[in-house]
Amino acid sequence: MHRTTSHRSGGGSSRSTHRKSPPPPPPPPPRDQSKRNVRNTGILKVVAENPLVIVAVSGCFMCVTVNGLVQRLGVNPKIVEVEEVNKIAILVKLSKIEGSDGGPWELPAVYVGGKLLGGVDKVMEAHVKGEFVPMLRAAGALWL
């Protein structure tokens, strides 16, 4: 009887090690890659379907500057905000847009009529040269 009692209590005998431990919890489900791909593909669709798109990092002052300029010109751009941690992946995805000559190197990335104009430097350059407003008109972003 002593032997059976010792086995049940697991009192440090070698027999207590044969008990099965509960199975480990299942690994967390993988990140849903399909949603991420849809979201990235969605950005390409937004660029193709809107006359003026600004792809911007949340809280970026240069992005706010570009948005402020186009708003003062009377244009309501489509803004695609990305988090800083997703910036590289978005830049890679944007580089695959046809006619973008390799895509943007930095954000904000401004697309007029589905084509990459560039970052804040190119927007300001086009504006100073008097070319930005005609671009916006040609793309249908500005009617006056």
N, C-alpha and C. Protein backbone atom coordinates (compact mmCIF):
# COMPACT_ATOMS: atom_id res chain seq x y z
N MET A 1 0.82 -1.19 0.00
CA MET A 1 0.00 0.00 0.00
C MET A 1 0.86 1.25 0.00
N HIS A 2 1.96 1.16 0.73
CA HIS A 2 2.85 2.31 0.79
C HIS A 2 3.36 2.68 -0.60
N ARG A 3 3.63 1.70 -1.38
CA ARG A 3 4.15 1.93 -2.72
C ARG A 3 3.14 2.67 -3.58
N THR A 4 1.89 2.28 -3.56
CA THR A 4 0.85 2.93 -4.35
C THR A 4 0.65 4.37 -3.90
N THR A 5 0.66 4.60 -2.60
CA THR A 5 0.47 5.95 -2.08
C THR A 5 1.61 6.85 -2.54
N SER A 6 2.82 6.34 -2.49
CA SER A 6 3.96 7.13 -2.90
C SER A 6 3.87 7.48 -4.38
N HIS A 7 3.39 6.56 -5.19
CA HIS A 7 3.27 6.81 -6.62
C HIS A 7 2.23 7.89 -6.91
N ARG A 8 1.12 7.84 -6.21
CA ARG A 8 0.06 8.82 -6.46
C ARG A 8 0.46 10.21 -6.01
N SER A 9 1.17 10.29 -4.94
CA SER A 9 1.53 11.61 -4.45
C SER A 9 2.69 12.20 -5.23
N GLY A 10 3.37 11.36 -5.99
CA GLY A 10 4.50 11.85 -6.76
C GLY A 10 5.64 12.25 -5.89
N GLY A 11 5.76 11.72 -4.70
CA GLY A 11 6.74 12.11 -3.70
C GLY A 11 8.18 12.03 -4.15
N GLY A 12 8.53 12.50 -5.27
CA GLY A 12 9.90 12.59 -5.70
C GLY A 12 10.45 11.32 -6.30
N SER A 13 9.65 10.28 -6.48
CA SER A 13 10.17 9.06 -7.08
C SER A 13 10.34 9.24 -8.57
N SER A 14 11.11 8.36 -9.16
CA SER A 14 11.36 8.47 -10.60
C SER A 14 10.10 8.20 -11.40
N ARG A 15 9.14 7.55 -10.78
CA ARG A 15 7.90 7.27 -11.48
C ARG A 15 7.06 8.52 -11.70
N SER A 16 7.25 9.54 -10.91
CA SER A 16 6.43 10.75 -11.06
C SER A 16 6.78 11.51 -12.34
N THR A 17 7.92 11.25 -12.94
CA THR A 17 8.31 11.96 -14.14
C THR A 17 7.61 11.45 -15.38
N HIS A 18 6.93 10.30 -15.29
CA HIS A 18 6.25 9.77 -16.46
C HIS A 18 4.90 10.45 -16.69
N ARG A 19 4.47 11.25 -15.76
CA ARG A 19 3.19 11.94 -15.94
C ARG A 19 3.32 12.92 -17.09
N LYS A 20 2.31 12.97 -17.88
CA LYS A 20 2.34 13.87 -19.04
C LYS A 20 2.03 15.29 -18.60
N SER A 21 2.83 16.20 -19.06
CA SER A 21 2.51 17.60 -18.79
C SER A 21 1.49 18.05 -19.82
N PRO A 22 0.75 19.07 -19.50
CA PRO A 22 -0.24 19.53 -20.47
C PRO A 22 0.47 19.99 -21.74
N PRO A 23 -0.18 19.81 -22.87
CA PRO A 23 0.47 20.22 -24.12
C PRO A 23 0.71 21.73 -24.12
N PRO A 24 1.76 22.16 -24.77
CA PRO A 24 2.03 23.60 -24.81
C PRO A 24 0.90 24.30 -25.57
N PRO A 25 0.68 25.55 -25.23
CA PRO A 25 -0.38 26.27 -25.95
C PRO A 25 -0.02 26.39 -27.42
N PRO A 26 -1.01 26.44 -28.27
CA PRO A 26 -0.71 26.57 -29.69
C PRO A 26 -0.01 27.90 -29.96
N PRO A 27 0.82 27.94 -30.98
CA PRO A 27 1.50 29.21 -31.29
C PRO A 27 0.46 30.24 -31.72
N PRO A 28 0.78 31.50 -31.53
CA PRO A 28 -0.18 32.52 -31.96
C PRO A 28 -0.39 32.42 -33.46
N PRO A 29 -1.57 32.76 -33.91
CA PRO A 29 -1.81 32.68 -35.35
C PRO A 29 -0.88 33.63 -36.08
N PRO A 30 -0.43 33.25 -37.26
CA PRO A 30 0.46 34.15 -38.01
C PRO A 30 -0.28 35.42 -38.36
N ARG A 31 0.49 36.48 -38.49
CA ARG A 31 -0.13 37.74 -38.89
C ARG A 31 -0.80 37.53 -40.23
N ASP A 32 -1.94 38.09 -40.35
CA ASP A 32 -2.74 37.87 -41.55
C ASP A 32 -2.10 38.61 -42.72
N GLN A 33 -1.28 37.89 -43.48
CA GLN A 33 -0.58 38.48 -44.61
C GLN A 33 -1.54 38.94 -45.69
N SER A 34 -2.67 38.25 -45.83
CA SER A 34 -3.60 38.64 -46.88
C SER A 34 -4.16 40.02 -46.62
N LYS A 35 -4.44 40.35 -45.35
CA LYS A 35 -4.95 41.68 -45.04
C LYS A 35 -3.89 42.73 -45.34
N ARG A 36 -2.62 42.41 -44.96
CA ARG A 36 -1.56 43.37 -45.21
C ARG A 36 -1.39 43.60 -46.70
N ASN A 37 -1.45 42.54 -47.50
CA ASN A 37 -1.31 42.68 -48.94
C ASN A 37 -2.48 43.45 -49.53
N VAL A 38 -3.68 43.21 -49.02
CA VAL A 38 -4.83 43.97 -49.50
C VAL A 38 -4.65 45.44 -49.18
N ARG A 39 -4.16 45.72 -47.97
CA ARG A 39 -3.97 47.11 -47.59
C ARG A 39 -2.95 47.78 -48.51
N ASN A 40 -1.83 47.09 -48.79
CA ASN A 40 -0.82 47.66 -49.68
C ASN A 40 -1.36 47.80 -51.09
N THR A 41 -2.08 46.78 -51.56
CA THR A 41 -2.69 46.87 -52.88
C THR A 41 -3.69 48.00 -52.89
N GLY A 42 -4.36 48.22 -51.77
CA GLY A 42 -5.31 49.31 -51.66
C GLY A 42 -4.66 50.66 -51.90
N ILE A 43 -3.42 50.83 -51.44
CA ILE A 43 -2.71 52.09 -51.67
C ILE A 43 -2.49 52.29 -53.16
N LEU A 44 -2.11 51.24 -53.86
CA LEU A 44 -1.90 51.36 -55.30
C LEU A 44 -3.20 51.72 -56.00
N LYS A 45 -4.30 51.16 -55.55
CA LYS A 45 -5.60 51.47 -56.12
C LYS A 45 -5.99 52.92 -55.85
N VAL A 46 -5.72 53.38 -54.64
CA VAL A 46 -6.02 54.77 -54.27
C VAL A 46 -5.23 55.72 -55.17
N VAL A 47 -3.95 55.42 -55.38
CA VAL A 47 -3.11 56.27 -56.24
C VAL A 47 -3.67 56.31 -57.65
N ALA A 48 -4.11 55.17 -58.16
CA ALA A 48 -4.62 55.10 -59.53
C ALA A 48 -5.97 55.80 -59.69
N GLU A 49 -6.78 55.82 -58.65
CA GLU A 49 -8.16 56.31 -58.78
C GLU A 49 -8.39 57.73 -58.30
N ASN A 50 -7.38 58.40 -57.76
CA ASN A 50 -7.57 59.75 -57.24
C ASN A 50 -6.63 60.72 -57.93
N PRO A 51 -7.11 61.94 -58.20
CA PRO A 51 -6.27 62.91 -58.92
C PRO A 51 -5.06 63.40 -58.12
N LEU A 52 -5.18 63.46 -56.80
CA LEU A 52 -4.06 63.90 -55.98
C LEU A 52 -4.02 63.05 -54.71
N VAL A 53 -2.91 62.36 -54.53
CA VAL A 53 -2.73 61.49 -53.36
C VAL A 53 -1.43 61.88 -52.68
N ILE A 54 -1.51 62.03 -51.37
CA ILE A 54 -0.32 62.26 -50.56
C ILE A 54 -0.18 61.06 -49.64
N VAL A 55 0.91 60.33 -49.81
CA VAL A 55 1.22 59.21 -48.92
C VAL A 55 2.14 59.80 -47.85
N ALA A 56 1.67 59.80 -46.61
CA ALA A 56 2.34 60.53 -45.55
C ALA A 56 2.55 59.67 -44.31
N VAL A 57 3.59 60.00 -43.57
CA VAL A 57 3.83 59.38 -42.27
C VAL A 57 3.05 60.18 -41.24
N SER A 58 2.38 59.48 -40.36
CA SER A 58 1.61 60.13 -39.30
C SER A 58 2.50 61.07 -38.50
N GLY A 59 2.08 62.33 -38.39
CA GLY A 59 2.80 63.30 -37.57
C GLY A 59 4.00 63.95 -38.23
N CYS A 60 4.29 63.67 -39.48
CA CYS A 60 5.45 64.23 -40.18
C CYS A 60 5.18 65.69 -40.56
N PHE A 61 6.05 66.61 -40.14
CA PHE A 61 5.80 68.02 -40.42
C PHE A 61 5.93 68.34 -41.91
N MET A 62 6.76 67.62 -42.64
CA MET A 62 6.86 67.85 -44.09
C MET A 62 5.58 67.42 -44.79
N CYS A 63 4.98 66.36 -44.29
CA CYS A 63 3.71 65.89 -44.84
C CYS A 63 2.61 66.92 -44.58
N VAL A 64 2.63 67.49 -43.38
CA VAL A 64 1.66 68.53 -43.03
C VAL A 64 1.87 69.76 -43.91
N THR A 65 3.11 70.10 -44.22
CA THR A 65 3.42 71.25 -45.07
C THR A 65 2.84 71.06 -46.47
N VAL A 66 3.05 69.90 -47.06
CA VAL A 66 2.52 69.63 -48.40
C VAL A 66 1.00 69.66 -48.39
N ASN A 67 0.41 69.03 -47.40
CA ASN A 67 -1.04 69.03 -47.29
C ASN A 67 -1.58 70.45 -47.13
N GLY A 68 -0.91 71.26 -46.32
CA GLY A 68 -1.34 72.64 -46.13
C GLY A 68 -1.29 73.44 -47.43
N LEU A 69 -0.25 73.24 -48.22
CA LEU A 69 -0.14 73.94 -49.50
C LEU A 69 -1.29 73.59 -50.42
N VAL A 70 -1.55 72.31 -50.60
CA VAL A 70 -2.61 71.92 -51.54
C VAL A 70 -3.98 72.33 -51.02
N GLN A 71 -4.17 72.32 -49.72
CA GLN A 71 -5.45 72.77 -49.15
C GLN A 71 -5.65 74.26 -49.43
N ARG A 72 -4.58 75.06 -49.28
CA ARG A 72 -4.68 76.50 -49.57
C ARG A 72 -4.94 76.77 -51.04
N LEU A 73 -4.52 75.85 -51.90
CA LEU A 73 -4.80 75.99 -53.33
C LEU A 73 -6.24 75.58 -53.66
N GLY A 74 -6.95 75.06 -52.68
CA GLY A 74 -8.34 74.67 -52.90
C GLY A 74 -8.52 73.22 -53.30
N VAL A 75 -7.50 72.41 -53.07
CA VAL A 75 -7.55 71.00 -53.44
C VAL A 75 -7.72 70.17 -52.16
N ASN A 76 -8.59 69.19 -52.26
CA ASN A 76 -8.78 68.26 -51.15
C ASN A 76 -8.13 66.94 -51.53
N PRO A 77 -6.87 66.73 -51.12
CA PRO A 77 -6.17 65.51 -51.55
C PRO A 77 -6.66 64.28 -50.81
N LYS A 78 -6.42 63.15 -51.40
CA LYS A 78 -6.62 61.88 -50.71
C LYS A 78 -5.32 61.63 -49.96
N ILE A 79 -5.42 61.51 -48.65
CA ILE A 79 -4.22 61.30 -47.83
C ILE A 79 -4.20 59.87 -47.33
N VAL A 80 -3.10 59.20 -47.58
CA VAL A 80 -2.88 57.85 -47.07
C VAL A 80 -1.82 57.96 -45.99
N GLU A 81 -2.24 57.82 -44.73
CA GLU A 81 -1.29 57.91 -43.62
C GLU A 81 -0.76 56.53 -43.29
N VAL A 82 0.55 56.46 -43.13
CA VAL A 82 1.19 55.21 -42.73
C VAL A 82 1.96 55.45 -41.44
N GLU A 83 2.10 54.40 -40.68
CA GLU A 83 2.88 54.49 -39.45
C GLU A 83 4.37 54.38 -39.81
N GLU A 84 5.19 54.97 -38.98
CA GLU A 84 6.64 54.96 -39.21
C GLU A 84 7.17 53.54 -39.38
N VAL A 85 6.64 52.60 -38.62
CA VAL A 85 7.14 51.22 -38.69
C VAL A 85 6.81 50.55 -40.03
N ASN A 86 5.81 51.04 -40.74
CA ASN A 86 5.41 50.45 -42.02
C ASN A 86 5.97 51.21 -43.22
N LYS A 87 6.72 52.26 -42.97
CA LYS A 87 7.16 53.15 -44.04
C LYS A 87 7.96 52.43 -45.12
N ILE A 88 8.92 51.61 -44.75
CA ILE A 88 9.78 50.94 -45.74
C ILE A 88 8.95 50.02 -46.62
N ALA A 89 8.06 49.26 -46.02
CA ALA A 89 7.22 48.33 -46.80
C ALA A 89 6.35 49.10 -47.78
N ILE A 90 5.83 50.24 -47.37
CA ILE A 90 4.99 51.05 -48.26
C ILE A 90 5.83 51.63 -49.39
N LEU A 91 7.03 52.10 -49.09
CA LEU A 91 7.90 52.65 -50.14
C LEU A 91 8.23 51.58 -51.17
N VAL A 92 8.47 50.36 -50.72
CA VAL A 92 8.74 49.26 -51.66
C VAL A 92 7.53 49.02 -52.54
N LYS A 93 6.36 49.01 -51.94
CA LYS A 93 5.13 48.77 -52.70
C LYS A 93 4.90 49.91 -53.71
N LEU A 94 5.13 51.14 -53.29
CA LEU A 94 4.94 52.28 -54.18
C LEU A 94 5.95 52.27 -55.33
N SER A 95 7.10 51.66 -55.12
CA SER A 95 8.11 51.62 -56.18
C SER A 95 7.66 50.76 -57.36
N LYS A 96 6.62 49.97 -57.16
CA LYS A 96 6.14 49.09 -58.22
C LYS A 96 5.07 49.73 -59.10
N ILE A 97 4.72 50.97 -58.81
CA ILE A 97 3.74 51.65 -59.65
C ILE A 97 4.40 51.98 -60.98
N GLU A 98 3.73 51.65 -62.05
CA GLU A 98 4.28 51.92 -63.39
C GLU A 98 4.48 53.41 -63.58
N GLY A 99 5.57 53.76 -64.21
CA GLY A 99 5.85 55.15 -64.53
C GLY A 99 6.37 55.96 -63.36
N SER A 100 6.70 55.31 -62.25
CA SER A 100 7.16 56.08 -61.10
C SER A 100 8.69 56.15 -61.02
N ASP A 101 9.38 55.62 -62.03
CA ASP A 101 10.85 55.67 -62.09
C ASP A 101 11.51 55.20 -60.80
N GLY A 102 11.09 54.05 -60.33
CA GLY A 102 11.69 53.50 -59.12
C GLY A 102 10.98 53.86 -57.85
N GLY A 103 10.04 54.76 -57.91
CA GLY A 103 9.26 55.10 -56.73
C GLY A 103 9.91 56.14 -55.86
N PRO A 104 9.19 56.53 -54.83
CA PRO A 104 9.72 57.55 -53.92
C PRO A 104 10.79 56.98 -53.01
N TRP A 105 11.67 57.84 -52.56
CA TRP A 105 12.71 57.44 -51.61
C TRP A 105 12.31 57.79 -50.19
N GLU A 106 11.39 58.70 -50.05
CA GLU A 106 11.01 59.20 -48.73
C GLU A 106 9.55 59.62 -48.79
N LEU A 107 8.96 59.78 -47.63
CA LEU A 107 7.59 60.29 -47.55
C LEU A 107 7.64 61.70 -46.99
N PRO A 108 6.77 62.58 -47.44
CA PRO A 108 5.58 62.33 -48.23
C PRO A 108 5.92 62.02 -49.69
N ALA A 109 5.07 61.23 -50.28
CA ALA A 109 5.13 60.96 -51.72
C ALA A 109 3.85 61.51 -52.30
N VAL A 110 3.98 62.40 -53.26
CA VAL A 110 2.83 63.07 -53.85
C VAL A 110 2.62 62.53 -55.26
N TYR A 111 1.41 62.05 -55.50
CA TYR A 111 1.02 61.51 -56.80
C TYR A 111 -0.03 62.42 -57.40
N VAL A 112 0.23 62.89 -58.60
CA VAL A 112 -0.72 63.73 -59.33
C VAL A 112 -1.12 62.96 -60.58
N GLY A 113 -2.41 62.70 -60.71
CA GLY A 113 -2.89 61.95 -61.86
C GLY A 113 -2.33 60.55 -61.94
N GLY A 114 -2.06 59.93 -60.79
CA GLY A 114 -1.55 58.57 -60.76
C GLY A 114 -0.05 58.45 -60.97
N LYS A 115 0.63 59.58 -61.17
CA LYS A 115 2.08 59.57 -61.40
C LYS A 115 2.79 60.27 -60.26
N LEU A 116 3.93 59.74 -59.92
CA LEU A 116 4.71 60.31 -58.83
C LEU A 116 5.27 61.67 -59.23
N LEU A 117 4.91 62.70 -58.47
CA LEU A 117 5.54 64.00 -58.64
C LEU A 117 6.84 64.01 -57.83
N GLY A 118 6.76 63.55 -56.60
CA GLY A 118 7.93 63.48 -55.74
C GLY A 118 7.57 63.82 -54.31
N GLY A 119 8.58 64.25 -53.58
CA GLY A 119 8.39 64.63 -52.19
C GLY A 119 8.14 66.12 -52.06
N VAL A 120 8.33 66.61 -50.87
CA VAL A 120 8.06 68.02 -50.59
C VAL A 120 8.92 68.92 -51.46
N ASP A 121 10.16 68.53 -51.75
CA ASP A 121 11.04 69.36 -52.57
C ASP A 121 10.50 69.53 -53.99
N LYS A 122 10.03 68.45 -54.58
CA LYS A 122 9.50 68.52 -55.95
C LYS A 122 8.18 69.28 -56.00
N VAL A 123 7.36 69.12 -54.97
CA VAL A 123 6.10 69.87 -54.92
C VAL A 123 6.38 71.36 -54.84
N MET A 124 7.28 71.76 -53.96
CA MET A 124 7.60 73.18 -53.81
C MET A 124 8.26 73.73 -55.07
N GLU A 125 9.13 72.94 -55.69
CA GLU A 125 9.77 73.36 -56.93
C GLU A 125 8.74 73.60 -58.02
N ALA A 126 7.81 72.66 -58.18
CA ALA A 126 6.76 72.81 -59.20
C ALA A 126 5.88 74.00 -58.88
N HIS A 127 5.61 74.24 -57.61
CA HIS A 127 4.76 75.37 -57.22
C HIS A 127 5.45 76.70 -57.52
N VAL A 128 6.73 76.81 -57.18
CA VAL A 128 7.47 78.05 -57.42
C VAL A 128 7.59 78.33 -58.91
N LYS A 129 7.76 77.30 -59.73
CA LYS A 129 7.87 77.46 -61.18
C LYS A 129 6.52 77.71 -61.85
N GLY A 130 5.45 77.63 -61.08
CA GLY A 130 4.12 77.83 -61.65
C GLY A 130 3.59 76.61 -62.40
N GLU A 131 4.17 75.45 -62.14
CA GLU A 131 3.76 74.23 -62.84
C GLU A 131 2.79 73.36 -62.04
N PHE A 132 2.70 73.60 -60.74
CA PHE A 132 1.91 72.72 -59.89
C PHE A 132 0.42 72.88 -60.13
N VAL A 133 -0.06 74.10 -60.20
CA VAL A 133 -1.50 74.32 -60.43
C VAL A 133 -1.94 73.75 -61.77
N PRO A 134 -1.20 73.97 -62.88
CA PRO A 134 -1.60 73.32 -64.14
C PRO A 134 -1.62 71.79 -64.05
N MET A 135 -0.67 71.22 -63.30
CA MET A 135 -0.67 69.76 -63.10
C MET A 135 -1.95 69.32 -62.40
N LEU A 136 -2.33 70.05 -61.37
CA LEU A 136 -3.54 69.71 -60.61
C LEU A 136 -4.78 69.83 -61.48
N ARG A 137 -4.81 70.87 -62.33
CA ARG A 137 -5.96 71.03 -63.25
C ARG A 137 -6.02 69.88 -64.24
N ALA A 138 -4.88 69.54 -64.82
CA ALA A 138 -4.84 68.46 -65.81
C ALA A 138 -5.27 67.13 -65.21
N ALA A 139 -4.97 66.92 -63.94
CA ALA A 139 -5.33 65.67 -63.27
C ALA A 139 -6.78 65.66 -62.79
N GLY A 140 -7.42 66.83 -62.82
CA GLY A 140 -8.81 66.91 -62.35
C GLY A 140 -8.93 67.15 -60.85
N ALA A 141 -7.84 67.54 -60.22
CA ALA A 141 -7.87 67.82 -58.78
C ALA A 141 -8.30 69.25 -58.49
N LEU A 142 -8.18 70.12 -59.48
CA LEU A 142 -8.50 71.53 -59.31
C LEU A 142 -9.28 71.98 -60.53
N TRP A 143 -10.44 72.60 -60.31
CA TRP A 143 -11.30 72.96 -61.43
C TRP A 143 -11.20 74.42 -61.82
N LEU A 144 -10.75 75.27 -60.96
CA LEU A 144 -10.71 76.70 -61.29
C LEU A 144 -9.39 77.12 -61.86
